PDB file of N, CA and C in Angstrom:
ATOM      1  N   MET A   1      -4.812 -26.325  24.071  1.00  0.00           N
ATOM      2  CA  MET A   1      -5.506 -27.192  23.148  1.00  0.00           C
ATOM      3  C   MET A   1      -6.593 -26.428  22.375  1.00  0.00           C
ATOM      4  N   GLU A   2      -7.237 -25.464  23.034  1.00  0.00           N
ATOM      5  CA  GLU A   2      -8.276 -24.683  22.355  1.00  0.00           C
ATOM      6  C   GLU A   2      -7.692 -23.884  21.187  1.00  0.00           C
ATOM      7  N   GLU A   3      -6.485 -23.346  21.365  1.00  0.00           N
ATOM      8  CA  GLU A   3      -5.852 -22.591  20.285  1.00  0.00           C
ATOM      9  C   GLU A   3      -5.595 -23.500  19.088  1.00  0.00           C
ATOM     10  N   LEU A   4      -5.119 -24.724  19.330  1.00  0.00           N
ATOM     11  CA  LEU A   4      -4.874 -25.677  18.253  1.00  0.00           C
ATOM     12  C   LEU A   4      -6.182 -26.029  17.552  1.00  0.00           C
ATOM     13  N   LYS A   5      -7.246 -26.238  18.308  1.00  0.00           N
ATOM     14  CA  LYS A   5      -8.546 -26.528  17.704  1.00  0.00           C
ATOM     15  C   LYS A   5      -9.012 -25.367  16.831  1.00  0.00           C
ATOM     16  N   SER A   6      -8.763 -24.156  17.292  1.00  0.00           N
ATOM     17  CA  SER A   6      -9.144 -22.979  16.519  1.00  0.00           C
ATOM     18  C   SER A   6      -8.386 -22.919  15.192  1.00  0.00           C
ATOM     19  N   ILE A   7      -7.099 -23.201  15.241  1.00  0.00           N
ATOM     20  CA  ILE A   7      -6.279 -23.203  14.024  1.00  0.00           C
ATOM     21  C   ILE A   7      -6.749 -24.301  13.075  1.00  0.00           C
ATOM     22  N   MET A   8      -6.994 -25.490  13.603  1.00  0.00           N
ATOM     23  CA  MET A   8      -7.441 -26.604  12.761  1.00  0.00           C
ATOM     24  C   MET A   8      -8.813 -26.321  12.160  1.00  0.00           C
ATOM     25  N   THR A   9      -9.662 -25.619  12.888  1.00  0.00           N
ATOM     26  CA  THR A   9     -10.968 -25.230  12.350  1.00  0.00           C
ATOM     27  C   THR A   9     -10.785 -24.306  11.152  1.00  0.00           C
ATOM     28  N   LYS A  10      -9.839 -23.407  11.251  1.00  0.00           N
ATOM     29  CA  LYS A  10      -9.556 -22.498  10.131  1.00  0.00           C
ATOM     30  C   LYS A  10      -8.974 -23.260   8.951  1.00  0.00           C
ATOM     31  N   PHE A  11      -8.080 -24.206   9.221  1.00  0.00           N
ATOM     32  CA  PHE A  11      -7.552 -25.051   8.142  1.00  0.00           C
ATOM     33  C   PHE A  11      -8.691 -25.827   7.480  1.00  0.00           C
ATOM     34  N   ALA A  12      -9.574 -26.402   8.287  1.00  0.00           N
ATOM     35  CA  ALA A  12     -10.678 -27.201   7.760  1.00  0.00           C
ATOM     36  C   ALA A  12     -11.608 -26.366   6.886  1.00  0.00           C
ATOM     37  N   ALA A  13     -11.748 -25.098   7.208  1.00  0.00           N
ATOM     38  CA  ALA A  13     -12.633 -24.212   6.447  1.00  0.00           C
ATOM     39  C   ALA A  13     -11.927 -23.507   5.296  1.00  0.00           C
ATOM     40  N   SER A  14     -10.657 -23.805   5.095  1.00  0.00           N
ATOM     41  CA  SER A  14      -9.850 -23.057   4.132  1.00  0.00           C
ATOM     42  C   SER A  14     -10.225 -23.294   2.676  1.00  0.00           C
ATOM     43  N   GLY A  15     -10.816 -24.439   2.371  1.00  0.00           N
ATOM     44  CA  GLY A  15     -11.103 -24.753   0.975  1.00  0.00           C
ATOM     45  C   GLY A  15      -9.916 -25.385   0.260  1.00  0.00           C
ATOM     46  N   TRP A  16      -8.809 -25.528   0.937  1.00  0.00           N
ATOM     47  CA  TRP A  16      -7.596 -26.123   0.380  1.00  0.00           C
ATOM     48  C   TRP A  16      -7.581 -27.575   0.834  1.00  0.00           C
ATOM     49  N   ASP A  17      -8.066 -28.493  -0.010  1.00  0.00           N
ATOM     50  CA  ASP A  17      -8.280 -29.883   0.367  1.00  0.00           C
ATOM     51  C   ASP A  17      -7.070 -30.567   0.979  1.00  0.00           C
ATOM     52  N   LEU A  18      -5.878 -30.218   0.516  1.00  0.00           N
ATOM     53  CA  LEU A  18      -4.670 -30.855   1.021  1.00  0.00           C
ATOM     54  C   LEU A  18      -4.542 -30.732   2.534  1.00  0.00           C
ATOM     55  N   ILE A  19      -4.946 -29.589   3.080  1.00  0.00           N
ATOM     56  CA  ILE A  19      -4.898 -29.436   4.542  1.00  0.00           C
ATOM     57  C   ILE A  19      -6.296 -29.427   5.166  1.00  0.00           C
ATOM     58  N   ALA A  20      -7.321 -29.060   4.403  1.00  0.00           N
ATOM     59  CA  ALA A  20      -8.676 -28.975   4.951  1.00  0.00           C
ATOM     60  C   ALA A  20      -9.205 -30.346   5.374  1.00  0.00           C
ATOM     61  N   ILE A  21      -9.005 -31.336   4.536  1.00  0.00           N
ATOM     62  CA  ILE A  21      -9.538 -32.670   4.833  1.00  0.00           C
ATOM     63  C   ILE A  21      -8.853 -33.295   6.053  1.00  0.00           C
ATOM     64  N   PRO A  22      -7.505 -33.322   6.100  1.00  0.00           N
ATOM     65  CA  PRO A  22      -6.874 -33.880   7.306  1.00  0.00           C
ATOM     66  C   PRO A  22      -7.196 -33.080   8.580  1.00  0.00           C
ATOM     67  N   ALA A  23      -7.343 -31.767   8.448  1.00  0.00           N
ATOM     68  CA  ALA A  23      -7.679 -30.956   9.617  1.00  0.00           C
ATOM     69  C   ALA A  23      -9.065 -31.319  10.141  1.00  0.00           C
ATOM     70  N   GLN A  24     -10.039 -31.472   9.231  1.00  0.00           N
ATOM     71  CA  GLN A  24     -11.389 -31.845   9.652  1.00  0.00           C
ATOM     72  C   GLN A  24     -11.395 -33.244  10.260  1.00  0.00           C
ATOM     73  N   GLN A  25     -10.633 -34.163   9.661  1.00  0.00           N
ATOM     74  CA  GLN A  25     -10.554 -35.517  10.214  1.00  0.00           C
ATOM     75  C   GLN A  25      -9.959 -35.484  11.622  1.00  0.00           C
ATOM     76  N   TRP A  26      -8.957 -34.647  11.837  1.00  0.00           N
ATOM     77  CA  TRP A  26      -8.356 -34.512  13.165  1.00  0.00           C
ATOM     78  C   TRP A  26      -9.383 -33.961  14.154  1.00  0.00           C
ATOM     79  N   LEU A  27     -10.113 -32.923  13.727  1.00  0.00           N
ATOM     80  CA  LEU A  27     -11.137 -32.338  14.594  1.00  0.00           C
ATOM     81  C   LEU A  27     -12.224 -33.358  14.953  1.00  0.00           C
ATOM     82  N   ASP A  28     -12.525 -34.246  13.998  1.00  0.00           N
ATOM     83  CA  ASP A  28     -13.558 -35.266  14.206  1.00  0.00           C
ATOM     84  C   ASP A  28     -13.030 -36.483  14.971  1.00  0.00           C
ATOM     85  N   GLY A  29     -11.736 -36.468  15.313  1.00  0.00           N
ATOM     86  CA  GLY A  29     -11.150 -37.597  16.036  1.00  0.00           C
ATOM     87  C   GLY A  29     -10.881 -38.805  15.169  1.00  0.00           C
ATOM     88  N   LYS A  30     -10.831 -38.603  13.842  1.00  0.00           N
ATOM     89  CA  LYS A  30     -10.637 -39.713  12.906  1.00  0.00           C
ATOM     90  C   LYS A  30      -9.228 -39.759  12.333  1.00  0.00           C
ATOM     91  N   SER A  31      -8.351 -38.914  12.837  1.00  0.00           N
ATOM     92  CA  SER A  31      -6.982 -38.849  12.335  1.00  0.00           C
ATOM     93  C   SER A  31      -6.062 -38.457  13.478  1.00  0.00           C
ATOM     94  N   ASP A  32      -4.794 -38.768  13.316  1.00  0.00           N
ATOM     95  CA  ASP A  32      -3.834 -38.409  14.357  1.00  0.00           C
ATOM     96  C   ASP A  32      -2.973 -37.234  13.899  1.00  0.00           C
ATOM     97  N   LYS A  33      -2.156 -36.720  14.806  1.00  0.00           N
ATOM     98  CA  LYS A  33      -1.355 -35.529  14.493  1.00  0.00           C
ATOM     99  C   LYS A  33      -0.321 -35.823  13.414  1.00  0.00           C
ATOM    100  N   ASN A  34       0.157 -37.050  13.303  1.00  0.00           N
ATOM    101  CA  ASN A  34       1.161 -37.370  12.284  1.00  0.00           C
ATOM    102  C   ASN A  34       0.605 -37.193  10.874  1.00  0.00           C
ATOM    103  N   THR A  35      -0.651 -37.586  10.677  1.00  0.00           N
ATOM    104  CA  THR A  35      -1.298 -37.401   9.371  1.00  0.00           C
ATOM    105  C   THR A  35      -1.427 -35.919   9.058  1.00  0.00           C
ATOM    106  N   LEU A  36      -1.805 -35.158  10.050  1.00  0.00           N
ATOM    107  CA  LEU A  36      -1.958 -33.713   9.884  1.00  0.00           C
ATOM    108  C   LEU A  36      -0.625 -33.041   9.585  1.00  0.00           C
ATOM    109  N   VAL A  37       0.393 -33.370  10.344  1.00  0.00           N
ATOM    110  CA  VAL A  37       1.733 -32.800  10.127  1.00  0.00           C
ATOM    111  C   VAL A  37       2.241 -33.169   8.741  1.00  0.00           C
ATOM    112  N   SER A  38       2.010 -34.397   8.314  1.00  0.00           N
ATOM    113  CA  SER A  38       2.432 -34.839   6.983  1.00  0.00           C
ATOM    114  C   SER A  38       1.765 -34.007   5.883  1.00  0.00           C
ATOM    115  N   ALA A  39       0.474 -33.718   6.039  1.00  0.00           N
ATOM    116  CA  ALA A  39      -0.247 -32.908   5.044  1.00  0.00           C
ATOM    117  C   ALA A  39       0.316 -31.492   4.989  1.00  0.00           C
ATOM    118  N   ILE A  40       0.611 -30.917   6.140  1.00  0.00           N
ATOM    119  CA  ILE A  40       1.155 -29.555   6.177  1.00  0.00           C
ATOM    120  C   ILE A  40       2.540 -29.527   5.556  1.00  0.00           C
ATOM    121  N   LYS A  41       3.352 -30.533   5.830  1.00  0.00           N
ATOM    122  CA  LYS A  41       4.682 -30.617   5.218  1.00  0.00           C
ATOM    123  C   LYS A  41       4.568 -30.773   3.703  1.00  0.00           C
ATOM    124  N   GLN A  42       3.604 -31.564   3.235  1.00  0.00           N
ATOM    125  CA  GLN A  42       3.396 -31.736   1.796  1.00  0.00           C
ATOM    126  C   GLN A  42       2.992 -30.411   1.152  1.00  0.00           C
ATOM    127  N   ALA A  43       2.143 -29.666   1.819  1.00  0.00           N
ATOM    128  CA  ALA A  43       1.727 -28.356   1.295  1.00  0.00           C
ATOM    129  C   ALA A  43       2.930 -27.429   1.187  1.00  0.00           C
ATOM    130  N   ASP A  44       3.776 -27.424   2.195  1.00  0.00           N
ATOM    131  CA  ASP A  44       4.998 -26.605   2.148  1.00  0.00           C
ATOM    132  C   ASP A  44       5.889 -27.034   0.997  1.00  0.00           C
ATOM    133  N   LYS A  45       6.069 -28.333   0.842  1.00  0.00           N
ATOM    134  CA  LYS A  45       6.935 -28.873  -0.215  1.00  0.00           C
ATOM    135  C   LYS A  45       6.410 -28.502  -1.605  1.00  0.00           C
ATOM    136  N   GLU A  46       5.086 -28.652  -1.798  1.00  0.00           N
ATOM    137  CA  GLU A  46       4.484 -28.338  -3.104  1.00  0.00           C
ATOM    138  C   GLU A  46       4.733 -26.890  -3.519  1.00  0.00           C
ATOM    139  N   CYS A  47       4.891 -26.028  -2.547  1.00  0.00           N
ATOM    140  CA  CYS A  47       5.089 -24.606  -2.835  1.00  0.00           C
ATOM    141  C   CYS A  47       6.542 -24.184  -2.668  1.00  0.00           C
ATOM    142  N   GLY A  48       7.452 -25.159  -2.670  1.00  0.00           N
ATOM    143  CA  GLY A  48       8.872 -24.834  -2.570  1.00  0.00           C
ATOM    144  C   GLY A  48       9.243 -24.198  -1.243  1.00  0.00           C
ATOM    145  N   TYR A  49       8.491 -24.507  -0.197  1.00  0.00           N
ATOM    146  CA  TYR A  49       8.743 -23.972   1.150  1.00  0.00           C
ATOM    147  C   TYR A  49       8.694 -22.439   1.165  1.00  0.00           C
ATOM    148  N   SER A  50       7.884 -21.885   0.293  1.00  0.00           N
ATOM    149  CA  SER A  50       7.785 -20.438   0.155  1.00  0.00           C
ATOM    150  C   SER A  50       6.377 -19.967   0.493  1.00  0.00           C
ATOM    151  N   LEU A  51       6.256 -19.093   1.491  1.00  0.00           N
ATOM    152  CA  LEU A  51       4.942 -18.527   1.803  1.00  0.00           C
ATOM    153  C   LEU A  51       4.406 -17.713   0.629  1.00  0.00           C
ATOM    154  N   ASP A  52       5.295 -17.054  -0.105  1.00  0.00           N
ATOM    155  CA  ASP A  52       4.854 -16.287  -1.275  1.00  0.00           C
ATOM    156  C   ASP A  52       4.071 -17.198  -2.223  1.00  0.00           C
ATOM    157  N   GLU A  53       4.663 -18.348  -2.543  1.00  0.00           N
ATOM    158  CA  GLU A  53       4.029 -19.280  -3.481  1.00  0.00           C
ATOM    159  C   GLU A  53       2.785 -19.913  -2.876  1.00  0.00           C
ATOM    160  N   GLN A  54       2.847 -20.230  -1.589  1.00  0.00           N
ATOM    161  CA  GLN A  54       1.697 -20.820  -0.923  1.00  0.00           C
ATOM    162  C   GLN A  54       0.510 -19.866  -0.959  1.00  0.00           C
ATOM    163  N   TYR A  55       0.751 -18.604  -0.650  1.00  0.00           N
ATOM    164  CA  TYR A  55      -0.340 -17.643  -0.644  1.00  0.00           C
ATOM    165  C   TYR A  55      -0.839 -17.349  -2.054  1.00  0.00           C
ATOM    166  N   LYS A  56       0.051 -17.345  -3.035  1.00  0.00           N
ATOM    167  CA  LYS A  56      -0.392 -17.139  -4.419  1.00  0.00           C
ATOM    168  C   LYS A  56      -1.266 -18.299  -4.878  1.00  0.00           C
ATOM    169  N   LYS A  57      -0.873 -19.518  -4.502  1.00  0.00           N
ATOM    170  CA  LYS A  57      -1.575 -20.713  -4.968  1.00  0.00           C
ATOM    171  C   LYS A  57      -2.883 -20.957  -4.220  1.00  0.00           C
ATOM    172  N   TYR A  58      -2.890 -20.739  -2.919  1.00  0.00           N
ATOM    173  CA  TYR A  58      -4.024 -21.139  -2.099  1.00  0.00           C
ATOM    174  C   TYR A  58      -4.638 -20.014  -1.282  1.00  0.00           C
ATOM    175  N   GLY A  59      -4.229 -18.786  -1.547  1.00  0.00           N
ATOM    176  CA  GLY A  59      -4.616 -17.691  -0.674  1.00  0.00           C
ATOM    177  C   GLY A  59      -5.951 -17.047  -0.900  1.00  0.00           C
ATOM    178  N   ASN A  60      -6.739 -17.495  -1.842  1.00  0.00           N
ATOM    179  CA  ASN A  60      -8.015 -16.836  -2.064  1.00  0.00           C
ATOM    180  C   ASN A  60      -9.128 -17.863  -2.193  1.00  0.00           C
ATOM    181  N   THR A  61      -9.759 -18.143  -1.067  1.00  0.00           N
ATOM    182  CA  THR A  61     -10.888 -19.063  -1.029  1.00  0.00           C
ATOM    183  C   THR A  61     -12.061 -18.344  -0.373  1.00  0.00           C
ATOM    184  N   GLU A  62     -13.159 -19.025  -0.265  1.00  0.00           N
ATOM    185  CA  GLU A  62     -14.338 -18.439   0.361  1.00  0.00           C
ATOM    186  C   GLU A  62     -14.061 -18.034   1.812  1.00  0.00           C
ATOM    187  N   ASN A  63     -13.193 -18.784   2.486  1.00  0.00           N
ATOM    188  CA  ASN A  63     -12.976 -18.563   3.909  1.00  0.00           C
ATOM    189  C   ASN A  63     -11.624 -17.968   4.266  1.00  0.00           C
ATOM    190  N   PHE A  64     -10.802 -17.666   3.274  1.00  0.00           N
ATOM    191  CA  PHE A  64      -9.443 -17.184   3.557  1.00  0.00           C
ATOM    192  C   PHE A  64      -8.929 -16.365   2.388  1.00  0.00           C
ATOM    193  N   PHE A  65      -8.243 -15.257   2.678  1.00  0.00           N
ATOM    194  CA  PHE A  65      -7.588 -14.501   1.612  1.00  0.00           C
ATOM    195  C   PHE A  65      -6.182 -14.135   2.055  1.00  0.00           C
ATOM    196  N   SER A  66      -5.329 -13.902   1.082  1.00  0.00           N
ATOM    197  CA  SER A  66      -3.967 -13.465   1.397  1.00  0.00           C
ATOM    198  C   SER A  66      -3.432 -12.613   0.259  1.00  0.00           C
ATOM    199  N   ARG A  67      -2.461 -11.812   0.617  1.00  0.00           N
ATOM    200  CA  ARG A  67      -1.817 -10.942  -0.363  1.00  0.00           C
ATOM    201  C   ARG A  67      -0.364 -10.776   0.070  1.00  0.00           C
ATOM    202  N   VAL A  68       0.536 -10.941  -0.897  1.00  0.00           N
ATOM    203  CA  VAL A  68       1.956 -10.718  -0.628  1.00  0.00           C
ATOM    204  C   VAL A  68       2.194  -9.218  -0.717  1.00  0.00           C
ATOM    205  N   ILE A  69       2.613  -8.617   0.376  1.00  0.00           N
ATOM    206  CA  ILE A  69       2.881  -7.186   0.398  1.00  0.00           C
ATOM    207  C   ILE A  69       4.342  -6.930   0.068  1.00  0.00           C
ATOM    208  N   GLU A  70       5.218  -7.621   0.750  1.00  0.00           N
ATOM    209  CA  GLU A  70       6.659  -7.546   0.484  1.00  0.00           C
ATOM    210  C   GLU A  70       7.160  -8.981   0.384  1.00  0.00           C
ATOM    211  N   PRO A  71       7.488  -9.443  -0.851  1.00  0.00           N
ATOM    212  CA  PRO A  71       7.881 -10.839  -1.043  1.00  0.00           C
ATOM    213  C   PRO A  71       8.923 -11.305  -0.023  1.00  0.00           C
ATOM    214  N   GLY A  72       8.616 -12.467   0.562  1.00  0.00           N
ATOM    215  CA  GLY A  72       9.534 -13.064   1.517  1.00  0.00           C
ATOM    216  C   GLY A  72       9.466 -12.482   2.916  1.00  0.00           C
ATOM    217  N   HIS A  73       8.647 -11.445   3.122  1.00  0.00           N
ATOM    218  CA  HIS A  73       8.650 -10.790   4.430  1.00  0.00           C
ATOM    219  C   HIS A  73       7.285 -10.424   4.991  1.00  0.00           C
ATOM    220  N   ILE A  74       6.439  -9.781   4.201  1.00  0.00           N
ATOM    221  CA  ILE A  74       5.202  -9.244   4.765  1.00  0.00           C
ATOM    222  C   ILE A  74       4.006  -9.729   3.940  1.00  0.00           C
ATOM    223  N   TYR A  75       2.993 -10.233   4.664  1.00  0.00           N
ATOM    224  CA  TYR A  75       1.797 -10.785   4.033  1.00  0.00           C
ATOM    225  C   TYR A  75       0.569 -10.252   4.749  1.00  0.00           C
ATOM    226  N   GLU A  76      -0.478 -10.032   3.993  1.00  0.00           N
ATOM    227  CA  GLU A  76      -1.768  -9.737   4.596  1.00  0.00           C
ATOM    228  C   GLU A  76      -2.589 -11.004   4.463  1.00  0.00           C
ATOM    229  N   VAL A  77      -3.128 -11.485   5.560  1.00  0.00           N
ATOM    230  CA  VAL A  77      -3.984 -12.663   5.533  1.00  0.00           C
ATOM    231  C   VAL A  77      -5.239 -12.357   6.331  1.00  0.00           C
ATOM    232  N   GLY A  78      -6.329 -12.968   5.943  1.00  0.00           N
ATOM    233  CA  GLY A  78      -7.556 -12.711   6.671  1.00  0.00           C
ATOM    234  C   GLY A  78      -8.629 -13.734   6.381  1.00  0.00           C
ATOM    235  N   TYR A  79      -9.675 -13.629   7.156  1.00  0.00           N
ATOM    236  CA  TYR A  79     -10.817 -14.525   7.057  1.00  0.00           C
ATOM    237  C   TYR A  79     -12.058 -13.666   6.833  1.00  0.00           C
ATOM    238  N   PRO A  80     -12.673 -13.730   5.637  1.00  0.00           N
ATOM    239  CA  PRO A  80     -13.839 -12.888   5.353  1.00  0.00           C
ATOM    240  C   PRO A  80     -15.021 -13.129   6.275  1.00  0.00           C
ATOM    241  N   LYS A  81     -15.088 -14.311   6.861  1.00  0.00           N
ATOM    242  CA  LYS A  81     -16.154 -14.578   7.819  1.00  0.00           C
ATOM    243  C   LYS A  81     -15.560 -15.363   8.977  1.00  0.00           C
ATOM    244  N   CYS A  82     -16.216 -15.299  10.080  1.00  0.00           N
ATOM    245  CA  CYS A  82     -15.724 -15.952  11.288  1.00  0.00           C
ATOM    246  C   CYS A  82     -15.871 -17.466  11.178  1.00  0.00           C
ATOM    247  N   VAL A  83     -14.800 -18.174  11.457  1.00  0.00           N
ATOM    248  CA  VAL A  83     -14.829 -19.636  11.521  1.00  0.00           C
ATOM    249  C   VAL A  83     -14.413 -20.122  12.910  1.00  0.00           C
ATOM    250  N   CYS A  84     -14.393 -19.205  13.856  1.00  0.00           N
ATOM    251  CA  CYS A  84     -13.957 -19.506  15.219  1.00  0.00           C
ATOM    252  C   CYS A  84     -14.967 -20.435  15.900  1.00  0.00           C
ATOM    253  N   PRO A  85     -14.522 -21.561  16.431  1.00  0.00           N
ATOM    254  CA  PRO A  85     -15.464 -22.499  17.050  1.00  0.00           C
ATOM    255  C   PRO A  85     -16.198 -21.922  18.256  1.00  0.00           C
ATOM    256  N   GLU A  86     -15.575 -21.007  18.989  1.00  0.00           N
ATOM    257  CA  GLU A  86     -16.236 -20.408  20.141  1.00  0.00           C
ATOM    258  C   GLU A  86     -17.431 -19.560  19.716  1.00  0.00           C
ATOM    259  N   VAL A  87     -17.290 -18.837  18.609  1.00  0.00           N
ATOM    260  CA  VAL A  87     -18.388 -18.009  18.108  1.00  0.00           C
ATOM    261  C   VAL A  87     -19.447 -18.881  17.452  1.00  0.00           C
ATOM    262  N   LEU A  88     -19.024 -19.821  16.606  1.00  0.00           N
ATOM    263  CA  LEU A  88     -19.979 -20.658  15.890  1.00  0.00           C
ATOM    264  C   LEU A  88     -20.797 -21.547  16.820  1.00  0.00           C
ATOM    265  N   SER A  89     -20.213 -21.964  17.925  1.00  0.00           N
ATOM    266  CA  SER A  89     -20.934 -22.822  18.877  1.00  0.00           C
ATOM    267  C   SER A  89     -21.852 -22.026  19.795  1.00  0.00           C
ATOM    268  N   GLY A  90     -21.713 -20.709  19.773  1.00  0.00           N
ATOM    269  CA  GLY A  90     -22.528 -19.872  20.651  1.00  0.00           C
ATOM    270  C   GLY A  90     -21.887 -19.623  22.006  1.00  0.00           C
ATOM    271  N   LYS A  91     -20.678 -20.133  22.215  1.00  0.00           N
ATOM    272  CA  LYS A  91     -19.982 -19.938  23.488  1.00  0.00           C
ATOM    273  C   LYS A  91     -19.754 -18.453  23.760  1.00  0.00           C
ATOM    274  N   THR A  92     -19.498 -17.697  22.685  1.00  0.00           N
ATOM    275  CA  THR A  92     -19.379 -16.244  22.791  1.00  0.00           C
ATOM    276  C   THR A  92     -20.124 -15.624  21.615  1.00  0.00           C
ATOM    277  N   HIS A  93     -20.669 -14.453  21.847  1.00  0.00           N
ATOM    278  CA  HIS A  93     -21.382 -13.735  20.784  1.00  0.00           C
ATOM    279  C   HIS A  93     -20.624 -12.479  20.376  1.00  0.00           C
ATOM    280  N   ASP A  94     -19.461 -12.303  20.948  1.00  0.00           N
ATOM    281  CA  ASP A  94     -18.641 -11.131  20.664  1.00  0.00           C
ATOM    282  C   ASP A  94     -17.819 -11.384  19.405  1.00  0.00           C
ATOM    283  N   LYS A  95     -18.227 -10.786  18.276  1.00  0.00           N
ATOM    284  CA  LYS A  95     -17.535 -10.991  16.999  1.00  0.00           C
ATOM    285  C   LYS A  95     -16.090 -10.499  17.050  1.00  0.00           C
ATOM    286  N   ALA A  96     -15.789  -9.555  17.937  1.00  0.00           N
ATOM    287  CA  ALA A  96     -14.414  -9.056  18.071  1.00  0.00           C
ATOM    288  C   ALA A  96     -13.496 -10.126  18.658  1.00  0.00           C
ATOM    289  N   HIS A  97     -14.077 -11.183  19.209  1.00  0.00           N
ATOM    290  CA  HIS A  97     -13.297 -12.287  19.782  1.00  0.00           C
ATOM    291  C   HIS A  97     -12.297 -12.832  18.767  1.00  0.00           C
ATOM    292  N   CYS A  98     -12.651 -12.841  17.492  1.00  0.00           N
ATOM    293  CA  CYS A  98     -11.797 -13.418  16.449  1.00  0.00           C
ATOM    294  C   CYS A  98     -11.086 -12.360  15.606  1.00  0.00           C
ATOM    295  N   GLU A  99     -11.206 -11.118  15.952  1.00  0.00           N
ATOM    296  CA  GLU A  99     -10.666 -10.053  15.113  1.00  0.00           C
ATOM    297  C   GLU A  99      -9.177 -10.228  14.843  1.00  0.00           C
ATOM    298  N   CYS A 100      -8.436 -10.750  15.814  1.00  0.00           N
ATOM    299  CA  CYS A 100      -6.986 -10.890  15.615  1.00  0.00           C
ATOM    300  C   CYS A 100      -6.667 -11.837  14.468  1.00  0.00           C
ATOM    301  N   SER A 101      -7.504 -12.841  14.220  1.00  0.00           N
ATOM    302  CA  SER A 101      -7.222 -13.754  13.121  1.00  0.00           C
ATOM    303  C   SER A 101      -8.026 -13.433  11.867  1.00  0.00           C
ATOM    304  N   ARG A 102      -9.093 -12.687  12.003  1.00  0.00           N
ATOM    305  CA  ARG A 102      -9.887 -12.328  10.825  1.00  0.00           C
ATOM    306  C   ARG A 102      -9.141 -11.364   9.918  1.00  0.00           C
ATOM    307  N   GLN A 103      -8.468 -10.415  10.503  1.00  0.00           N
ATOM    308  CA  GLN A 103      -7.733  -9.419   9.722  1.00  0.00           C
ATOM    309  C   GLN A 103      -6.358  -9.281  10.360  1.00  0.00           C
ATOM    310  N   SER A 104      -5.378  -9.855   9.764  1.00  0.00           N
ATOM    311  CA  SER A 104      -4.053  -9.810  10.377  1.00  0.00           C
ATOM    312  C   SER A 104      -2.992  -9.654   9.313  1.00  0.00           C
ATOM    313  N   THR A 105      -1.860  -9.188   9.759  1.00  0.00           N
ATOM    314  CA  THR A 105      -0.687  -9.102   8.896  1.00  0.00           C
ATOM    315  C   THR A 105       0.402  -9.934   9.529  1.00  0.00           C
ATOM    316  N   LEU A 106       0.961 -10.819   8.728  1.00  0.00           N
ATOM    317  CA  LEU A 106       2.026 -11.686   9.193  1.00  0.00           C
ATOM    318  C   LEU A 106       3.336 -11.101   8.700  1.00  0.00           C
ATOM    319  N   ASN A 107       4.262 -10.879   9.592  1.00  0.00           N
ATOM    320  CA  ASN A 107       5.566 -10.346   9.231  1.00  0.00           C
ATOM    321  C   ASN A 107       6.597 -11.447   9.468  1.00  0.00           C
ATOM    322  N   GLN A 108       7.150 -11.981   8.387  1.00  0.00           N
ATOM    323  CA  GLN A 108       8.137 -13.042   8.489  1.00  0.00           C
ATOM    324  C   GLN A 108       9.514 -12.437   8.252  1.00  0.00           C
ATOM    325  N   ASN A 109      10.380 -12.520   9.227  1.00  0.00           N
ATOM    326  CA  ASN A 109      11.741 -11.974   9.093  1.00  0.00           C
ATOM    327  C   ASN A 109      12.713 -13.034   8.677  1.00  0.00           C
TER     328      ASN A 109
END
């Protein structure tokens, strides 16, 4: 459950209202998973189910960046600042705790 909360926190901080608002509502206990899943499916549909298009359209916000390295296969995604709930709440002070999601490369085969 903590991993899901971490992902939803990143969605909420993304600046992409289509998924940010439902993610924050879910985190606040004001929405259910069906509303969240519906928003994510709508985001996929709007971009033709293509990560290339999704990252081009929504990949550069204050809290998230992306770059298509090899269309359809390799993407660089990252978070310019930590949005991890464990770090922000003070549960951990180790900034490396979030390094795996702050700077990552997604390889879609």
